[in-house]
Amino acid sequence: MNSTAQTRTFTKAAALKGTITVPGDKSISHRSLMLSALAVGESRIEGLLEGEDVLATAAAMRAMGADVVRGDGGVWRIYGVGVGGLMQPQQALEMGNSGTSTRLLMGLVASHALTATFVGDASLSKRPMGRVMEPLSTMGAEFTASPGGRLPLTLRGISPAVPIEYRLPVASAQVKSAILLAGLNTPGITRVIEPVPTRDHSERMLAGFGAALTVEVQADGARVISLEGEAELRPQTIVVPGDPSSAAFPMVAALLVAGSQVTIENVGLNATRAGLVDLLLEMGGNIEVINPREVGGEPVGDLVVAASTLTGVEPDPARAPSMIDEYPVAFVAAALAKGRSVFRGLEELRVKESDRITTMAEGLRMIGAQVEELEDGLVIDGTGGELLAGGGPVATKLDHRIAMSFAVAGLVSSGGVQIDDMRPVSTSFPGFVPLLESLGGIA
């Protein structure tokens, strides 16, 4: 094990009680920085997630000419360069562990006459970028990538780029967003057809910044997103809601730890992201949404979560895009539920920060869960509420969501769960452990 790894053991918790907020939504944070950098004038962002992934996006926008400043009280001010105004970066763009930064920035750069090299850490360098390279190449961008379409990767953008109509072969908000961002500086209409709806933050935010964008739903349910290029974006003031993917961890912990009641304030409840809440309600979870409201075009609410007896489920694979990042902690909930859960249609999890299907299966077995690995998912026979045995060290494979999922599992284990490295958590949820400790149930 790396001598600098941060091992940590999470042990059986007493009841979790309290009111908390979680970091700002990662998806919205990335997009707000990028679009602010393409608007002319000053934009303000409150509640930005200040994890390593989002800071990589901020650094990249600075490197391409935008003035990005963190002010007092965590308010960020961005002075944009305008669509088409990005400048040649003087050195490689360091993406760290952020697949979102990489894929979306590839879209931005593709329709500018500049060259950018993208580099990342060991985990990100294993992740395939071909699904973004293909449509951007059709628009005229050129790529020199490492074997398998991986980082390090050099992109030579083109201006003017060629507008395309592209039907997504795989449900991916990142691919959709990359094409739309490339379309901003492309004359004509760029059109993306998504057979299965994915998170729609890009469409909402592009419209909010003043882009001419339309969304049509076809008879078969496919969404057709059309964007008029050579856009003029207006600066905005953005309030970023709490990230539902981060809220997932204290939410599941509160459901599983006996006697718990936790309120999570200001959580984004966009329907394209709320799949986990729906799943946990179907499992019998006691979750109430209070104070529903809309902030900056995004639905937001407070979640009141109480300890519950959960029952196994077999969710529709079509739900996957609405909770793709939450499956690891959903597997933990299933491991404590009564009866069998069957999760299918999750091939996308194999190309995340780690192969999340195999990594979760191996870790759950190590701590006493009954798990069968499928090509596209997992079958989990739950304990019916009995504590997991515990054990470890569980291998996180440099994956923040794996680390946090097994931290939650440790809270409902008789022997504790040791995690090999908690460092990856800082990419999305820097205050995760102190937040859990603030609820009073863990040492």
Protein backbone atom coordinates (compact mmCIF):
# COMPACT_ATOMS: atom_id res chain seq x y z
CA MET A 1 0.00 0.00 0.00
CA ASN A 2 1.13 3.54 -0.74
CA SER A 3 2.81 4.88 2.41
CA THR A 4 0.84 8.13 2.09
CA ALA A 5 -2.53 6.38 1.86
CA GLN A 6 -5.07 7.49 4.47
CA THR A 7 -6.47 4.28 5.94
CA ARG A 8 -9.53 4.60 8.15
CA THR A 9 -11.79 2.19 9.98
CA PHE A 10 -15.48 3.01 10.38
CA THR A 11 -17.22 1.18 13.21
CA LYS A 12 -20.77 0.48 14.36
CA ALA A 13 -22.57 3.78 14.89
CA ALA A 14 -25.05 4.99 17.46
CA ALA A 15 -28.11 6.86 16.21
CA LEU A 16 -27.31 9.70 13.79
CA LYS A 17 -29.12 12.95 14.63
CA GLY A 18 -28.95 16.46 13.26
CA THR A 19 -29.34 18.88 10.37
CA ILE A 20 -26.63 19.11 7.71
CA THR A 21 -25.87 20.49 4.28
CA VAL A 22 -23.75 18.74 1.66
CA PRO A 23 -21.31 20.29 -0.82
CA GLY A 24 -22.57 22.00 -3.96
CA ASP A 25 -23.64 19.90 -6.93
CA LYS A 26 -20.59 18.77 -8.87
CA SER A 27 -22.28 18.69 -12.26
CA ILE A 28 -23.71 22.19 -11.86
CA SER A 29 -20.42 23.53 -10.43
CA HIS A 30 -18.42 22.38 -13.48
CA ARG A 31 -20.91 23.81 -15.94
CA SER A 32 -21.33 27.11 -14.11
CA LEU A 33 -17.57 27.76 -14.29
CA MET A 34 -17.37 26.88 -17.99
CA LEU A 35 -20.36 28.92 -19.12
CA SER A 36 -19.39 31.88 -16.92
CA ALA A 37 -15.99 31.83 -18.61
CA LEU A 38 -17.73 32.06 -22.02
CA ALA A 39 -20.05 34.92 -21.04
CA VAL A 40 -18.95 38.53 -21.52
CA GLY A 41 -18.82 40.28 -18.15
CA GLU A 42 -18.86 39.22 -14.51
CA SER A 43 -20.72 36.16 -13.26
CA ARG A 44 -21.05 35.20 -9.58
CA ILE A 45 -21.32 31.68 -8.22
CA GLU A 46 -22.40 30.87 -4.65
CA GLY A 47 -22.17 27.39 -3.17
CA LEU A 48 -19.60 26.12 -5.67
CA LEU A 49 -18.24 22.68 -4.79
CA GLU A 50 -14.61 23.32 -3.87
CA GLY A 51 -13.45 19.74 -4.39
CA GLU A 52 -10.44 18.82 -6.48
CA ASP A 53 -12.46 17.96 -9.60
CA VAL A 54 -14.16 21.35 -9.81
CA LEU A 55 -10.93 23.20 -8.96
CA ALA A 56 -9.37 21.44 -11.97
CA THR A 57 -12.07 23.01 -14.15
CA ALA A 58 -11.45 26.44 -12.59
CA ALA A 59 -7.71 26.15 -13.28
CA ALA A 60 -8.34 25.13 -16.90
CA MET A 61 -10.60 28.13 -17.51
CA ARG A 62 -7.92 30.41 -16.07
CA ALA A 63 -5.34 28.78 -18.33
CA MET A 64 -7.53 29.63 -21.34
CA GLY A 65 -7.96 33.30 -20.49
CA ALA A 66 -10.87 33.69 -18.07
CA ASP A 67 -10.39 35.59 -14.81
CA VAL A 68 -11.60 33.20 -12.08
CA VAL A 69 -11.41 34.54 -8.51
CA ARG A 70 -12.63 33.11 -5.21
CA GLY A 71 -13.88 36.01 -3.10
CA ASP A 72 -14.98 36.46 0.50
CA GLY A 73 -17.56 34.06 1.86
CA GLY A 74 -16.86 31.49 -0.83
CA VAL A 75 -18.43 33.61 -3.60
CA TRP A 76 -16.63 33.06 -6.90
CA ARG A 77 -16.39 35.80 -9.53
CA ILE A 78 -15.69 34.91 -13.14
CA TYR A 79 -14.91 37.47 -15.81
CA GLY A 80 -15.58 35.73 -19.10
CA VAL A 81 -13.86 36.00 -22.48
CA GLY A 82 -16.95 35.41 -24.63
CA VAL A 83 -17.84 32.48 -26.89
CA GLY A 84 -14.94 32.05 -29.31
CA GLY A 85 -12.59 33.97 -27.04
CA LEU A 86 -10.71 31.10 -25.37
CA MET A 87 -6.94 31.49 -25.57
CA GLN A 88 -4.17 28.97 -26.20
CA PRO A 89 -3.14 27.37 -22.86
CA GLN A 90 0.60 27.60 -22.25
CA GLN A 91 0.89 24.16 -20.65
CA ALA A 92 -1.00 20.90 -20.35
CA LEU A 93 -4.40 21.06 -18.63
CA GLU A 94 -4.18 18.98 -15.43
CA MET A 95 -7.48 17.17 -14.92
CA GLY A 96 -6.59 15.16 -11.80
CA ASN A 97 -9.33 12.55 -11.35
CA SER A 98 -12.09 14.47 -13.12
CA GLY A 99 -13.71 12.74 -16.07
CA THR A 100 -16.37 15.46 -16.22
CA SER A 101 -13.78 18.24 -16.53
CA THR A 102 -11.97 16.34 -19.26
CA ARG A 103 -14.94 15.42 -21.44
CA LEU A 104 -16.74 18.76 -21.18
CA LEU A 105 -13.58 20.80 -21.76
CA MET A 106 -12.79 18.68 -24.81
CA GLY A 107 -16.13 19.91 -26.18
CA LEU A 108 -15.35 23.54 -25.39
CA VAL A 109 -11.90 23.41 -26.99
CA ALA A 110 -13.03 21.46 -30.07
CA SER A 111 -14.63 24.51 -31.76
CA HIS A 112 -11.80 26.95 -30.96
CA ALA A 113 -8.67 27.31 -33.07
CA LEU A 114 -6.30 26.19 -30.33
CA THR A 115 -4.46 23.09 -29.18
CA ALA A 116 -4.75 21.65 -25.68
CA THR A 117 -3.18 18.63 -24.02
CA PHE A 118 -5.17 16.90 -21.26
CA VAL A 119 -3.39 14.93 -18.54
CA GLY A 120 -4.76 13.21 -15.43
CA ASP A 121 -3.97 10.91 -12.54
CA ALA A 122 -3.56 7.14 -12.80
CA SER A 123 -7.29 6.47 -12.39
CA LEU A 124 -8.43 9.04 -14.97
CA SER A 125 -5.75 7.87 -17.42
CA LYS A 126 -7.48 4.47 -17.56
CA ARG A 127 -10.84 5.92 -18.58
CA PRO A 128 -11.83 5.85 -22.27
CA MET A 129 -12.45 9.15 -24.05
CA GLY A 130 -13.40 7.68 -27.44
CA ARG A 131 -17.13 8.25 -26.99
CA VAL A 132 -16.43 12.02 -26.89
CA MET A 133 -13.67 11.98 -29.51
CA GLU A 134 -15.95 10.41 -32.12
CA PRO A 135 -18.60 13.18 -32.42
CA LEU A 136 -16.05 15.97 -31.90
CA SER A 137 -13.93 14.53 -34.72
CA THR A 138 -17.00 14.68 -36.96
CA MET A 139 -17.21 18.40 -36.13
CA GLY A 140 -13.60 18.82 -37.32
CA ALA A 141 -11.46 18.48 -34.19
CA GLU A 142 -8.34 16.30 -34.36
CA PHE A 143 -7.00 14.07 -31.58
CA THR A 144 -3.73 12.40 -30.68
CA ALA A 145 -4.54 10.08 -27.79
CA SER A 146 -2.82 7.37 -25.79
CA PRO A 147 -3.72 3.75 -26.68
CA GLY A 148 -7.41 3.01 -26.23
CA GLY A 149 -8.40 6.67 -26.58
CA ARG A 150 -7.04 7.54 -23.14
CA LEU A 151 -5.07 10.36 -21.51
CA PRO A 152 -2.59 11.93 -22.06
CA LEU A 153 -4.48 13.31 -25.05
CA THR A 154 -3.90 16.28 -27.35
CA LEU A 155 -6.83 17.99 -29.06
CA ARG A 156 -6.48 20.39 -32.00
CA GLY A 157 -9.65 22.43 -32.24
CA ILE A 158 -11.05 24.06 -35.37
CA SER A 159 -12.95 27.28 -36.03
CA PRO A 160 -15.36 27.29 -37.67
CA ALA A 161 -16.35 23.77 -36.70
CA VAL A 162 -19.05 21.79 -38.53
CA PRO A 163 -22.49 21.49 -36.91
CA ILE A 164 -23.69 17.90 -36.56
CA GLU A 165 -26.78 15.92 -35.68
CA TYR A 166 -25.71 13.12 -33.34
CA ARG A 167 -27.72 10.31 -31.83
CA LEU A 168 -26.15 9.13 -28.58
CA PRO A 169 -25.30 5.40 -28.78
CA VAL A 170 -24.95 5.25 -24.97
CA ALA A 171 -26.86 7.35 -22.42
CA SER A 172 -24.25 9.91 -21.34
CA ALA A 173 -24.81 13.43 -20.09
CA GLN A 174 -21.08 14.09 -20.54
CA VAL A 175 -21.09 13.22 -24.24
CA LYS A 176 -24.28 15.24 -24.79
CA SER A 177 -22.79 18.21 -22.96
CA ALA A 178 -19.47 18.05 -24.81
CA ILE A 179 -21.27 18.25 -28.17
CA LEU A 180 -23.50 21.12 -27.04
CA LEU A 181 -20.52 23.05 -25.66
CA ALA A 182 -18.70 22.57 -28.96
CA GLY A 183 -21.84 23.80 -30.70
CA LEU A 184 -21.74 27.13 -28.88
CA ASN A 185 -18.95 28.39 -31.18
CA THR A 186 -20.12 26.50 -34.28
CA PRO A 187 -22.20 28.28 -36.96
CA GLY A 188 -25.60 26.71 -37.61
CA ILE A 189 -27.62 24.23 -35.56
CA THR A 190 -25.96 21.50 -33.50
CA ARG A 191 -28.42 18.77 -32.58
CA VAL A 192 -28.16 15.90 -30.06
CA ILE A 193 -30.71 13.10 -29.90
CA GLU A 194 -30.77 11.10 -26.67
CA PRO A 195 -32.95 7.96 -26.73
CA VAL A 196 -32.79 7.74 -22.93
CA PRO A 197 -33.00 11.01 -20.96
CA THR A 198 -29.90 11.90 -18.93
CA ARG A 199 -29.23 14.68 -16.43
CA ASP A 200 -30.26 17.96 -18.05
CA HIS A 201 -28.16 20.53 -16.18
CA SER A 202 -26.40 21.60 -19.40
CA GLU A 203 -29.67 22.38 -21.18
CA ARG A 204 -31.07 24.30 -18.21
CA MET A 205 -27.90 26.30 -17.72
CA LEU A 206 -27.27 27.03 -21.40
CA ALA A 207 -30.79 28.43 -21.66
CA GLY A 208 -30.26 30.44 -18.46
CA PHE A 209 -27.12 32.03 -19.92
CA GLY A 210 -29.06 33.05 -23.03
CA ALA A 211 -28.21 30.39 -25.59
CA ALA A 212 -30.89 29.68 -28.23
CA LEU A 213 -31.74 26.11 -27.26
CA THR A 214 -34.83 23.99 -27.74
CA VAL A 215 -35.77 20.55 -26.40
CA GLU A 216 -38.39 18.41 -28.14
CA VAL A 217 -39.64 15.05 -26.90
CA GLN A 218 -40.43 12.57 -29.67
CA ALA A 219 -43.23 10.02 -29.59
CA ASP A 220 -40.78 7.28 -28.53
CA GLY A 221 -39.59 9.38 -25.58
CA ALA A 222 -36.29 10.42 -27.15
CA ARG A 223 -35.21 14.00 -26.47
CA VAL A 224 -33.95 16.18 -29.34
CA ILE A 225 -31.80 19.08 -28.14
CA SER A 226 -31.05 21.77 -30.73
CA LEU A 227 -28.56 24.58 -30.12
CA GLU A 228 -28.01 27.61 -32.35
CA GLY A 229 -24.28 28.33 -32.60
CA GLU A 230 -22.21 31.51 -32.37
CA ALA A 231 -24.09 32.25 -29.17
CA GLU A 232 -23.74 35.35 -27.01
CA LEU A 233 -23.91 34.32 -23.37
CA ARG A 234 -24.99 36.75 -20.66
CA PRO A 235 -23.28 36.72 -17.25
CA GLN A 236 -25.33 35.19 -14.43
CA THR A 237 -25.56 34.89 -10.66
CA ILE A 238 -25.75 31.18 -9.82
CA VAL A 239 -26.62 29.54 -6.50
CA VAL A 240 -25.46 25.91 -6.63
CA PRO A 241 -27.77 23.46 -4.80
CA GLY A 242 -26.44 20.62 -2.66
CA ASP A 243 -25.24 17.63 -4.68
CA PRO A 244 -27.74 14.72 -4.59
CA SER A 245 -24.84 12.33 -5.23
CA SER A 246 -23.15 13.56 -2.05
CA ALA A 247 -26.43 13.61 -0.09
CA ALA A 248 -26.77 9.91 -0.95
CA PHE A 249 -24.21 8.85 1.67
CA PRO A 250 -25.68 10.48 4.82
CA MET A 251 -29.16 9.61 3.49
CA VAL A 252 -28.41 5.88 3.30
CA ALA A 253 -26.53 6.02 6.62
CA ALA A 254 -29.57 7.56 8.33
CA LEU A 255 -31.85 4.88 6.86
CA LEU A 256 -29.61 2.02 8.02
CA VAL A 257 -28.38 3.12 11.47
CA ALA A 258 -31.02 2.30 14.10
CA GLY A 259 -32.73 5.27 15.75
CA SER A 260 -31.42 7.87 13.29
CA GLN A 261 -33.16 11.00 12.05
CA VAL A 262 -31.24 13.40 9.83
CA THR A 263 -32.35 16.47 7.84
CA ILE A 264 -30.28 17.27 4.74
CA GLU A 265 -30.97 20.83 3.61
CA ASN A 266 -30.85 22.40 0.14
CA VAL A 267 -30.53 19.23 -1.94
CA GLY A 268 -30.94 19.41 -5.71
CA LEU A 269 -33.98 17.34 -6.72
CA ASN A 270 -33.74 17.52 -10.51
CA ALA A 271 -35.83 14.59 -11.81
CA THR A 272 -32.93 13.41 -13.99
CA ARG A 273 -30.85 12.96 -10.81
CA ALA A 274 -33.42 11.78 -8.24
CA GLY A 275 -33.41 8.07 -9.02
CA LEU A 276 -31.87 7.05 -5.69
CA VAL A 277 -34.57 8.79 -3.64
CA ASP A 278 -37.23 6.98 -5.69
CA LEU A 279 -35.41 3.66 -5.24
CA LEU A 280 -35.05 4.05 -1.46
CA LEU A 281 -38.73 4.99 -1.15
CA GLU A 282 -39.62 1.79 -3.04
CA MET A 283 -37.43 -0.15 -0.59
CA GLY A 284 -39.50 1.26 2.27
CA GLY A 285 -37.26 4.15 3.22
CA ASN A 286 -38.72 6.87 5.44
CA ILE A 287 -37.76 9.97 3.40
CA GLU A 288 -39.82 13.17 3.36
CA VAL A 289 -39.19 16.16 1.09
CA ILE A 290 -40.01 19.44 2.82
CA ASN A 291 -39.76 23.07 1.69
CA PRO A 292 -39.65 22.29 -2.06
CA ARG A 293 -38.58 25.30 -4.11
CA GLU A 294 -36.78 26.35 -7.28
CA VAL A 295 -33.32 27.97 -7.21
CA GLY A 296 -31.69 29.13 -10.43
CA GLY A 297 -33.94 26.95 -12.56
CA GLU A 298 -33.23 23.80 -10.52
CA PRO A 299 -35.73 22.12 -8.14
CA VAL A 300 -34.43 22.02 -4.56
CA GLY A 301 -35.76 20.70 -1.25
CA ASP A 302 -34.83 19.53 2.24
CA LEU A 303 -34.81 15.79 2.97
CA VAL A 304 -35.90 14.42 6.35
CA VAL A 305 -34.59 10.85 6.62
CA ALA A 306 -35.35 8.38 9.44
CA ALA A 307 -34.11 4.86 10.16
CA SER A 308 -36.15 2.31 8.24
CA THR A 309 -36.57 -1.40 7.55
CA LEU A 310 -35.68 -1.81 3.88
CA THR A 311 -36.86 -4.50 1.45
CA GLY A 312 -35.02 -5.79 -1.62
CA VAL A 313 -35.89 -4.41 -5.07
CA GLU A 314 -35.37 -5.12 -8.75
CA PRO A 315 -35.25 -1.64 -10.32
CA ASP A 316 -35.93 -1.03 -14.00
CA PRO A 317 -32.57 -0.75 -15.84
CA ALA A 318 -33.98 2.34 -17.60
CA ARG A 319 -33.59 4.15 -14.26
CA ALA A 320 -29.80 3.85 -14.41
CA PRO A 321 -28.98 7.31 -15.88
CA SER A 322 -30.92 9.07 -13.09
CA MET A 323 -28.76 7.51 -10.35
CA ILE A 324 -25.64 6.21 -12.07
CA ASP A 325 -23.27 7.66 -9.44
CA GLU A 326 -25.42 6.50 -6.53
CA TYR A 327 -25.42 2.76 -7.26
CA PRO A 328 -22.41 1.99 -5.02
CA VAL A 329 -24.18 3.23 -1.89
CA ALA A 330 -27.48 1.73 -3.13
CA PHE A 331 -25.67 -1.64 -3.12
CA VAL A 332 -24.85 -1.05 0.56
CA ALA A 333 -28.52 -0.34 1.30
CA ALA A 334 -29.46 -3.57 -0.52
CA ALA A 335 -26.89 -5.53 1.52
CA LEU A 336 -28.84 -4.62 4.71
CA ALA A 337 -32.33 -5.00 3.22
CA LYS A 338 -34.71 -7.92 3.67
CA GLY A 339 -34.65 -10.24 0.67
CA ARG A 340 -32.97 -10.13 -2.73
CA SER A 341 -32.13 -7.10 -4.88
CA VAL A 342 -31.24 -7.43 -8.57
CA PHE A 343 -29.49 -4.54 -10.29
CA ARG A 344 -29.07 -4.77 -14.07
CA GLY A 345 -28.28 -2.51 -17.03
CA LEU A 346 -25.26 -0.98 -15.28
CA GLU A 347 -22.49 -1.56 -17.84
CA GLU A 348 -21.60 2.14 -17.52
CA LEU A 349 -20.34 1.48 -13.97
CA ARG A 350 -17.42 -0.50 -15.39
CA VAL A 351 -15.86 2.65 -16.93
CA LYS A 352 -16.20 5.04 -13.98
CA GLU A 353 -13.31 6.03 -11.66
CA SER A 354 -13.02 2.30 -11.10
CA ASP A 355 -14.93 -0.74 -12.33
CA ARG A 356 -17.61 -0.08 -9.75
CA ILE A 357 -19.40 -3.40 -10.29
CA THR A 358 -16.37 -5.59 -9.54
CA THR A 359 -14.93 -3.23 -6.89
CA MET A 360 -18.20 -3.12 -4.94
CA ALA A 361 -18.78 -6.88 -5.30
CA GLU A 362 -15.31 -7.70 -3.98
CA GLY A 363 -15.56 -5.23 -1.10
CA LEU A 364 -19.05 -6.27 -0.06
CA ARG A 365 -18.06 -9.94 -0.01
CA MET A 366 -15.01 -9.06 2.07
CA ILE A 367 -17.21 -7.53 4.79
CA GLY A 368 -19.79 -10.34 4.84
CA ALA A 369 -22.44 -9.49 2.26
CA GLN A 370 -23.95 -12.09 -0.08
CA VAL A 371 -23.24 -10.84 -3.62
CA GLU A 372 -23.28 -12.35 -7.11
CA GLU A 373 -21.60 -10.35 -9.87
CA LEU A 374 -23.31 -10.14 -13.26
CA GLU A 375 -21.94 -8.79 -16.50
CA ASP A 376 -24.17 -5.72 -16.15
CA GLY A 377 -24.84 -5.50 -12.42
CA LEU A 378 -25.16 -7.30 -9.08
CA VAL A 379 -27.51 -9.66 -7.25
CA ILE A 380 -27.47 -8.95 -3.50
CA ASP A 381 -29.15 -11.04 -0.80
CA GLY A 382 -29.65 -8.71 2.15
CA THR A 383 -29.20 -9.40 5.85
CA GLY A 384 -32.69 -8.25 6.79
CA GLY A 385 -31.23 -5.54 8.99
CA GLU A 386 -28.61 -7.69 10.72
CA LEU A 387 -25.20 -6.02 10.95
CA LEU A 388 -22.53 -6.91 8.39
CA ALA A 389 -19.51 -8.74 9.80
CA GLY A 390 -17.02 -6.09 8.67
CA GLY A 391 -13.38 -6.52 7.76
CA GLY A 392 -10.93 -5.12 5.26
CA PRO A 393 -8.94 -3.32 4.18
CA VAL A 394 -11.38 -2.70 1.34
CA ALA A 395 -9.69 -1.54 -1.89
CA THR A 396 -11.14 1.77 -3.11
CA LYS A 397 -9.21 1.76 -6.44
CA LEU A 398 -8.79 5.56 -6.12
CA ASP A 399 -12.58 5.96 -6.33
CA HIS A 400 -14.23 8.50 -4.02
CA ARG A 401 -17.70 6.93 -4.19
CA ILE A 402 -16.36 3.48 -3.34
CA ALA A 403 -14.59 4.92 -0.27
CA MET A 404 -17.69 6.73 0.99
CA SER A 405 -19.98 3.74 0.33
CA PHE A 406 -17.84 1.46 2.48
CA ALA A 407 -17.62 4.13 5.17
CA VAL A 408 -21.42 3.92 5.38
CA ALA A 409 -21.20 0.10 5.46
CA GLY A 410 -18.81 0.35 8.41
CA LEU A 411 -21.47 2.16 10.44
CA VAL A 412 -23.69 -0.95 10.24
CA SER A 413 -20.98 -3.58 10.82
CA SER A 414 -20.23 -5.52 13.99
CA GLY A 415 -16.46 -5.54 13.45
CA GLY A 416 -15.90 -2.27 11.58
CA VAL A 417 -14.82 -1.75 7.97
CA GLN A 418 -11.27 -0.68 7.19
CA ILE A 419 -10.85 1.39 4.00
CA ASP A 420 -7.45 1.37 2.32
CA ASP A 421 -7.41 5.05 1.31
CA MET A 422 -9.80 7.92 2.04
CA ARG A 423 -7.84 10.50 0.01
CA PRO A 424 -10.02 10.20 -3.13
CA VAL A 425 -13.01 11.56 -1.16
CA SER A 426 -11.54 15.07 -1.45
CA THR A 427 -12.39 15.10 -5.17
CA SER A 428 -16.10 15.55 -4.43
CA PHE A 429 -16.79 15.74 -0.67
CA PRO A 430 -13.84 17.28 1.23
CA GLY A 431 -15.69 17.44 4.59
CA PHE A 432 -17.28 13.99 4.45
CA VAL A 433 -15.81 12.48 7.63
CA PRO A 434 -16.29 15.59 9.83
CA LEU A 435 -19.88 15.81 8.60
CA LEU A 436 -20.58 12.21 9.63
CA GLU A 437 -18.92 12.88 12.99
CA SER A 438 -21.13 15.95 13.48
CA LEU A 439 -24.19 13.69 13.52
CA GLY A 440 -22.92 12.20 16.75
CA GLY A 441 -23.06 8.54 15.86
CA ILE A 442 -19.41 7.81 15.12
CA ALA A 443 -16.20 8.19 17.02
